[in-house]
């Protein structure tokens, strides 16, 4: 397992948390959103999903990964 912290802009509420964490789960990863810092700690299996795919899953929910 690998882990990465992504900076995500546009998250402001519990709905945002559920949308981002749900998108990561569907992509095959687990994530924990920190609204205060605007970050997401992601754990994933790099043999199954790439960081680019994880970023794309978040961006598809309407947030910007920077």
PDB file of N, CA and C in Angstrom:
ATOM      1  N   UNK A   1       0.843  -1.197   0.000  1.00  0.00           N
ATOM      2  CA  UNK A   1       0.000   0.000   0.000  1.00  0.00           C
ATOM      3  C   UNK A   1       0.881   1.251   0.000  1.00  0.00           C
ATOM      4  N   UNK A   2       0.395   2.238  -0.705  1.00  0.00           N
ATOM      5  CA  UNK A   2       1.063   3.529  -0.758  1.00  0.00           C
ATOM      6  C   UNK A   2       0.132   4.581  -0.181  1.00  0.00           C
ATOM      7  N   UNK A   3       0.707   5.719   0.181  1.00  0.00           N
ATOM      8  CA  UNK A   3      -0.124   6.816   0.670  1.00  0.00           C
ATOM      9  C   UNK A   3       0.394   8.128   0.096  1.00  0.00           C
ATOM     10  N   UNK A   4      -0.544   9.061  -0.043  1.00  0.00           N
ATOM     11  CA  UNK A   4      -0.224  10.386  -0.577  1.00  0.00           C
ATOM     12  C   UNK A   4      -1.198  11.382   0.040  1.00  0.00           C
ATOM     13  N   UNK A   5      -0.757  12.605   0.204  1.00  0.00           N
ATOM     14  CA  UNK A   5      -1.643  13.678   0.650  1.00  0.00           C
ATOM     15  C   UNK A   5      -1.856  14.625  -0.527  1.00  0.00           C
ATOM     16  N   UNK A   6      -3.117  14.810  -0.889  1.00  0.00           N
ATOM     17  CA  UNK A   6      -3.468  15.687  -1.998  1.00  0.00           C
ATOM     18  C   UNK A   6      -4.089  16.974  -1.469  1.00  0.00           C
ATOM     19  N   UNK A   7      -3.734  18.094  -2.085  1.00  0.00           N
ATOM     20  CA  UNK A   7      -4.350  19.379  -1.772  1.00  0.00           C
ATOM     21  C   UNK A   7      -5.541  19.550  -2.695  1.00  0.00           C
ATOM     22  N   UNK A   8      -6.721  19.763  -2.093  1.00  0.00           N
ATOM     23  CA  UNK A   8      -7.957  19.849  -2.866  1.00  0.00           C
ATOM     24  C   UNK A   8      -8.651  21.170  -2.559  1.00  0.00           C
ATOM     25  N   UNK A   9      -8.954  21.925  -3.602  1.00  0.00           N
ATOM     26  CA  UNK A   9      -9.654  23.207  -3.434  1.00  0.00           C
ATOM     27  C   UNK A   9     -11.136  23.028  -3.699  1.00  0.00           C
ATOM     28  N   UNK A  10     -11.950  23.757  -2.930  1.00  0.00           N
ATOM     29  CA  UNK A  10     -13.379  23.769  -3.160  1.00  0.00           C
ATOM     30  C   UNK A  10     -14.186  22.983  -2.141  1.00  0.00           C
ATOM     31  N   UNK A  11     -13.533  22.299  -1.223  1.00  0.00           N
ATOM     32  CA  UNK A  11     -14.259  21.531  -0.196  1.00  0.00           C
ATOM     33  C   UNK A  11     -14.613  22.463   0.960  1.00  0.00           C
ATOM     34  N   UNK A  12     -15.891  22.413   1.389  1.00  0.00           N
ATOM     35  CA  UNK A  12     -16.291  23.331   2.460  1.00  0.00           C
ATOM     36  C   UNK A  12     -17.271  22.738   3.461  1.00  0.00           C
ATOM     37  N   UNK A  13     -17.782  21.521   3.204  1.00  0.00           N
ATOM     38  CA  UNK A  13     -18.815  20.990   4.094  1.00  0.00           C
ATOM     39  C   UNK A  13     -18.796  19.465   4.124  1.00  0.00           C
ATOM     40  N   UNK A  14     -19.679  18.889   4.904  1.00  0.00           N
ATOM     41  CA  UNK A  14     -19.747  17.435   5.038  1.00  0.00           C
ATOM     42  C   UNK A  14     -20.119  16.760   3.715  1.00  0.00           C
ATOM     43  N   UNK A  15     -20.926  17.422   2.908  1.00  0.00           N
ATOM     44  CA  UNK A  15     -21.247  16.869   1.588  1.00  0.00           C
ATOM     45  C   UNK A  15     -19.973  16.708   0.759  1.00  0.00           C
ATOM     46  N   UNK A  16     -19.103  17.704   0.825  1.00  0.00           N
ATOM     47  CA  UNK A  16     -17.831  17.638   0.095  1.00  0.00           C
ATOM     48  C   UNK A  16     -17.000  16.454   0.572  1.00  0.00           C
ATOM     49  N   UNK A  17     -16.958  16.261   1.881  1.00  0.00           N
ATOM     50  CA  UNK A  17     -16.203  15.148   2.461  1.00  0.00           C
ATOM     51  C   UNK A  17     -16.720  13.829   1.909  1.00  0.00           C
ATOM     52  N   UNK A  18     -18.032  13.644   1.929  1.00  0.00           N
ATOM     53  CA  UNK A  18     -18.620  12.394   1.461  1.00  0.00           C
ATOM     54  C   UNK A  18     -18.401  12.199  -0.036  1.00  0.00           C
ATOM     55  N   UNK A  19     -18.490  13.271  -0.810  1.00  0.00           N
ATOM     56  CA  UNK A  19     -18.293  13.174  -2.255  1.00  0.00           C
ATOM     57  C   UNK A  19     -16.863  12.750  -2.582  1.00  0.00           C
ATOM     58  N   UNK A  20     -15.888  13.376  -1.933  1.00  0.00           N
ATOM     59  CA  UNK A  20     -14.484  13.074  -2.216  1.00  0.00           C
ATOM     60  C   UNK A  20     -14.125  11.679  -1.718  1.00  0.00           C
ATOM     61  N   UNK A  21     -14.496  11.368  -0.478  1.00  0.00           N
ATOM     62  CA  UNK A  21     -14.163  10.049   0.071  1.00  0.00           C
ATOM     63  C   UNK A  21     -14.875   8.940  -0.702  1.00  0.00           C
ATOM     64  N   UNK A  22     -16.105   9.185  -1.134  1.00  0.00           N
ATOM     65  CA  UNK A  22     -16.844   8.204  -1.920  1.00  0.00           C
ATOM     66  C   UNK A  22     -16.224   7.983  -3.286  1.00  0.00           C
ATOM     67  N   UNK A  23     -15.790   9.065  -3.920  1.00  0.00           N
ATOM     68  CA  UNK A  23     -15.157   8.946  -5.238  1.00  0.00           C
ATOM     69  C   UNK A  23     -13.863   8.146  -5.143  1.00  0.00           C
ATOM     70  N   UNK A  24     -13.105   8.376  -4.087  1.00  0.00           N
ATOM     71  CA  UNK A  24     -11.860   7.623  -3.906  1.00  0.00           C
ATOM     72  C   UNK A  24     -12.145   6.146  -3.670  1.00  0.00           C
ATOM     73  N   UNK A  25     -13.181   5.874  -2.888  1.00  0.00           N
ATOM     74  CA  UNK A  25     -13.536   4.480  -2.612  1.00  0.00           C
ATOM     75  C   UNK A  25     -13.932   3.769  -3.908  1.00  0.00           C
ATOM     76  N   UNK A  26     -14.712   4.435  -4.742  1.00  0.00           N
ATOM     77  CA  UNK A  26     -15.115   3.849  -6.021  1.00  0.00           C
ATOM     78  C   UNK A  26     -13.912   3.606  -6.929  1.00  0.00           C
ATOM     79  N   UNK A  27     -12.875   4.450  -6.778  1.00  0.00           N
ATOM     80  CA  UNK A  27     -11.670   4.299  -7.598  1.00  0.00           C
ATOM     81  C   UNK A  27     -10.749   3.203  -7.052  1.00  0.00           C
ATOM     82  N   UNK A  28     -11.068   2.681  -5.872  1.00  0.00           N
ATOM     83  CA  UNK A  28     -10.261   1.605  -5.311  1.00  0.00           C
ATOM     84  C   UNK A  28      -9.271   2.048  -4.258  1.00  0.00           C
ATOM     85  N   UNK A  29      -9.523   3.196  -3.644  1.00  0.00           N
ATOM     86  CA  UNK A  29      -8.633   3.724  -2.614  1.00  0.00           C
ATOM     87  C   UNK A  29      -9.457   4.108  -1.393  1.00  0.00           C
ATOM     88  N   UNK A  30      -8.763   4.450  -0.307  1.00  0.00           N
ATOM     89  CA  UNK A  30      -9.469   4.984   0.855  1.00  0.00           C
ATOM     90  C   UNK A  30      -8.879   6.357   1.149  1.00  0.00           C
ATOM     91  N   UNK A  31      -9.750   7.287   1.519  1.00  0.00           N
ATOM     92  CA  UNK A  31      -9.294   8.653   1.769  1.00  0.00           C
ATOM     93  C   UNK A  31      -9.915   9.231   3.010  1.00  0.00           C
ATOM     94  N   UNK A  32      -9.181  10.154   3.629  1.00  0.00           N
ATOM     95  CA  UNK A  32      -9.666  10.867   4.817  1.00  0.00           C
ATOM     96  C   UNK A  32      -9.481  12.354   4.553  1.00  0.00           C
ATOM     97  N   UNK A  33     -10.601  13.073   4.471  1.00  0.00           N
ATOM     98  CA  UNK A  33     -10.581  14.509   4.177  1.00  0.00           C
ATOM     99  C   UNK A  33     -10.342  15.303   5.458  1.00  0.00           C
ATOM    100  N   UNK A  34      -9.514  16.335   5.351  1.00  0.00           N
ATOM    101  CA  UNK A  34      -9.335  17.312   6.420  1.00  0.00           C
ATOM    102  C   UNK A  34      -9.789  18.655   5.855  1.00  0.00           C
ATOM    103  N   UNK A  35     -11.012  19.065   6.205  1.00  0.00           N
ATOM    104  CA  UNK A  35     -11.564  20.311   5.660  1.00  0.00           C
ATOM    105  C   UNK A  35     -10.745  21.531   6.060  1.00  0.00           C
ATOM    106  N   UNK A  36     -10.249  21.549   7.302  1.00  0.00           N
ATOM    107  CA  UNK A  36      -9.515  22.710   7.799  1.00  0.00           C
ATOM    108  C   UNK A  36      -8.263  22.994   6.969  1.00  0.00           C
ATOM    109  N   UNK A  37      -7.567  21.948   6.561  1.00  0.00           N
ATOM    110  CA  UNK A  37      -6.333  22.145   5.799  1.00  0.00           C
ATOM    111  C   UNK A  37      -6.548  22.022   4.292  1.00  0.00           C
ATOM    112  N   UNK A  38      -7.730  21.551   3.877  1.00  0.00           N
ATOM    113  CA  UNK A  38      -8.005  21.375   2.456  1.00  0.00           C
ATOM    114  C   UNK A  38      -7.194  20.244   1.839  1.00  0.00           C
ATOM    115  N   UNK A  39      -6.968  19.209   2.645  1.00  0.00           N
ATOM    116  CA  UNK A  39      -6.185  18.084   2.154  1.00  0.00           C
ATOM    117  C   UNK A  39      -6.961  16.778   2.270  1.00  0.00           C
ATOM    118  N   UNK A  40      -6.474  15.778   1.524  1.00  0.00           N
ATOM    119  CA  UNK A  40      -7.032  14.435   1.594  1.00  0.00           C
ATOM    120  C   UNK A  40      -5.854  13.469   1.712  1.00  0.00           C
ATOM    121  N   UNK A  41      -5.851  12.680   2.776  1.00  0.00           N
ATOM    122  CA  UNK A  41      -4.854  11.624   2.931  1.00  0.00           C
ATOM    123  C   UNK A  41      -5.416  10.377   2.267  1.00  0.00           C
ATOM    124  N   UNK A  42      -4.695   9.856   1.283  1.00  0.00           N
ATOM    125  CA  UNK A  42      -5.187   8.736   0.481  1.00  0.00           C
ATOM    126  C   UNK A  42      -4.269   7.532   0.642  1.00  0.00           C
ATOM    127  N   UNK A  43      -4.866   6.372   0.882  1.00  0.00           N
ATOM    128  CA  UNK A  43      -4.156   5.102   0.886  1.00  0.00           C
ATOM    129  C   UNK A  43      -4.649   4.304  -0.313  1.00  0.00           C
ATOM    130  N   UNK A  44      -3.706   3.760  -1.091  1.00  0.00           N
ATOM    131  CA  UNK A  44      -4.089   3.061  -2.311  1.00  0.00           C
ATOM    132  C   UNK A  44      -3.041   2.014  -2.671  1.00  0.00           C
ATOM    133  N   UNK A  45      -3.438   1.090  -3.503  1.00  0.00           N
ATOM    134  CA  UNK A  45      -2.543   0.058  -4.013  1.00  0.00           C
ATOM    135  C   UNK A  45      -2.085   0.503  -5.397  1.00  0.00           C
ATOM    136  N   UNK A  46      -0.814   0.896  -5.503  1.00  0.00           N
ATOM    137  CA  UNK A  46      -0.343   1.459  -6.776  1.00  0.00           C
ATOM    138  C   UNK A  46      -0.331   0.446  -7.915  1.00  0.00           C
ATOM    139  N   UNK A  47      -0.489  -0.836  -7.612  1.00  0.00           N
ATOM    140  CA  UNK A  47      -0.586  -1.830  -8.687  1.00  0.00           C
ATOM    141  C   UNK A  47      -2.003  -1.884  -9.255  1.00  0.00           C
ATOM    142  N   UNK A  48      -2.961  -1.239  -8.570  1.00  0.00           N
ATOM    143  CA  UNK A  48      -4.360  -1.258  -9.019  1.00  0.00           C
ATOM    144  C   UNK A  48      -4.876   0.090  -9.500  1.00  0.00           C
ATOM    145  N   UNK A  49      -4.328   1.175  -8.971  1.00  0.00           N
ATOM    146  CA  UNK A  49      -4.822   2.504  -9.346  1.00  0.00           C
ATOM    147  C   UNK A  49      -3.665   3.502  -9.285  1.00  0.00           C
ATOM    148  N   UNK A  50      -3.654   4.447 -10.237  1.00  0.00           N
ATOM    149  CA  UNK A  50      -2.591   5.455 -10.286  1.00  0.00           C
ATOM    150  C   UNK A  50      -3.027   6.728  -9.570  1.00  0.00           C
ATOM    151  N   UNK A  51      -2.051   7.544  -9.223  1.00  0.00           N
ATOM    152  CA  UNK A  51      -2.348   8.833  -8.597  1.00  0.00           C
ATOM    153  C   UNK A  51      -3.175   9.689  -9.559  1.00  0.00           C
ATOM    154  N   UNK A  52      -2.868   9.623 -10.840  1.00  0.00           N
ATOM    155  CA  UNK A  52      -3.635  10.400 -11.824  1.00  0.00           C
ATOM    156  C   UNK A  52      -5.112  10.002 -11.812  1.00  0.00           C
ATOM    157  N   UNK A  53      -5.380   8.712 -11.681  1.00  0.00           N
ATOM    158  CA  UNK A  53      -6.773   8.248 -11.626  1.00  0.00           C
ATOM    159  C   UNK A  53      -7.455   8.745 -10.348  1.00  0.00           C
ATOM    160  N   UNK A  54      -6.712   8.783  -9.248  1.00  0.00           N
ATOM    161  CA  UNK A  54      -7.280   9.282  -7.995  1.00  0.00           C
ATOM    162  C   UNK A  54      -7.615  10.764  -8.120  1.00  0.00           C
ATOM    163  N   UNK A  55      -6.701  11.520  -8.700  1.00  0.00           N
ATOM    164  CA  UNK A  55      -6.949  12.953  -8.913  1.00  0.00           C
ATOM    165  C   UNK A  55      -8.162  13.152  -9.821  1.00  0.00           C
ATOM    166  N   UNK A  56      -8.243  12.341 -10.871  1.00  0.00           N
ATOM    167  CA  UNK A  56      -9.361  12.434 -11.816  1.00  0.00           C
ATOM    168  C   UNK A  56     -10.688  12.137 -11.111  1.00  0.00           C
ATOM    169  N   UNK A  57     -10.703  11.147 -10.219  1.00  0.00           N
ATOM    170  CA  UNK A  57     -11.932  10.797  -9.485  1.00  0.00           C
ATOM    171  C   UNK A  57     -12.411  11.977  -8.641  1.00  0.00           C
ATOM    172  N   UNK A  58     -11.465  12.679  -8.017  1.00  0.00           N
ATOM    173  CA  UNK A  58     -11.822  13.855  -7.200  1.00  0.00           C
ATOM    174  C   UNK A  58     -12.294  14.991  -8.099  1.00  0.00           C
ATOM    175  N   UNK A  59     -11.576  15.244  -9.181  1.00  0.00           N
ATOM    176  CA  UNK A  59     -11.944  16.323 -10.089  1.00  0.00           C
ATOM    177  C   UNK A  59     -13.298  16.085 -10.748  1.00  0.00           C
ATOM    178  N   UNK A  60     -13.639  14.826 -10.981  1.00  0.00           N
ATOM    179  CA  UNK A  60     -14.951  14.499 -11.549  1.00  0.00           C
ATOM    180  C   UNK A  60     -16.089  14.880 -10.613  1.00  0.00           C
ATOM    181  N   UNK A  61     -15.784  15.064  -9.322  1.00  0.00           N
ATOM    182  CA  UNK A  61     -16.790  15.500  -8.353  1.00  0.00           C
ATOM    183  C   UNK A  61     -16.896  17.029  -8.294  1.00  0.00           C
ATOM    184  N   UNK A  62     -16.055  17.732  -9.053  1.00  0.00           N
ATOM    185  CA  UNK A  62     -16.134  19.186  -9.125  1.00  0.00           C
ATOM    186  C   UNK A  62     -15.124  19.931  -8.276  1.00  0.00           C
ATOM    187  N   UNK A  63     -14.093  19.235  -7.803  1.00  0.00           N
ATOM    188  CA  UNK A  63     -13.068  19.871  -6.967  1.00  0.00           C
ATOM    189  C   UNK A  63     -11.764  19.946  -7.737  1.00  0.00           C
ATOM    190  N   UNK A  64     -10.900  20.867  -7.355  1.00  0.00           N
ATOM    191  CA  UNK A  64      -9.611  21.029  -8.016  1.00  0.00           C
ATOM    192  C   UNK A  64      -8.505  20.430  -7.157  1.00  0.00           C
ATOM    193  N   UNK A  65      -7.728  19.529  -7.744  1.00  0.00           N
ATOM    194  CA  UNK A  65      -6.562  18.968  -7.057  1.00  0.00           C
ATOM    195  C   UNK A  65      -5.364  19.774  -7.500  1.00  0.00           C
ATOM    196  N   UNK A  66      -4.678  20.389  -6.541  1.00  0.00           N
ATOM    197  CA  UNK A  66      -3.527  21.241  -6.863  1.00  0.00           C
ATOM    198  C   UNK A  66      -2.234  20.696  -6.299  1.00  0.00           C
TER     199      UNK A  66
END
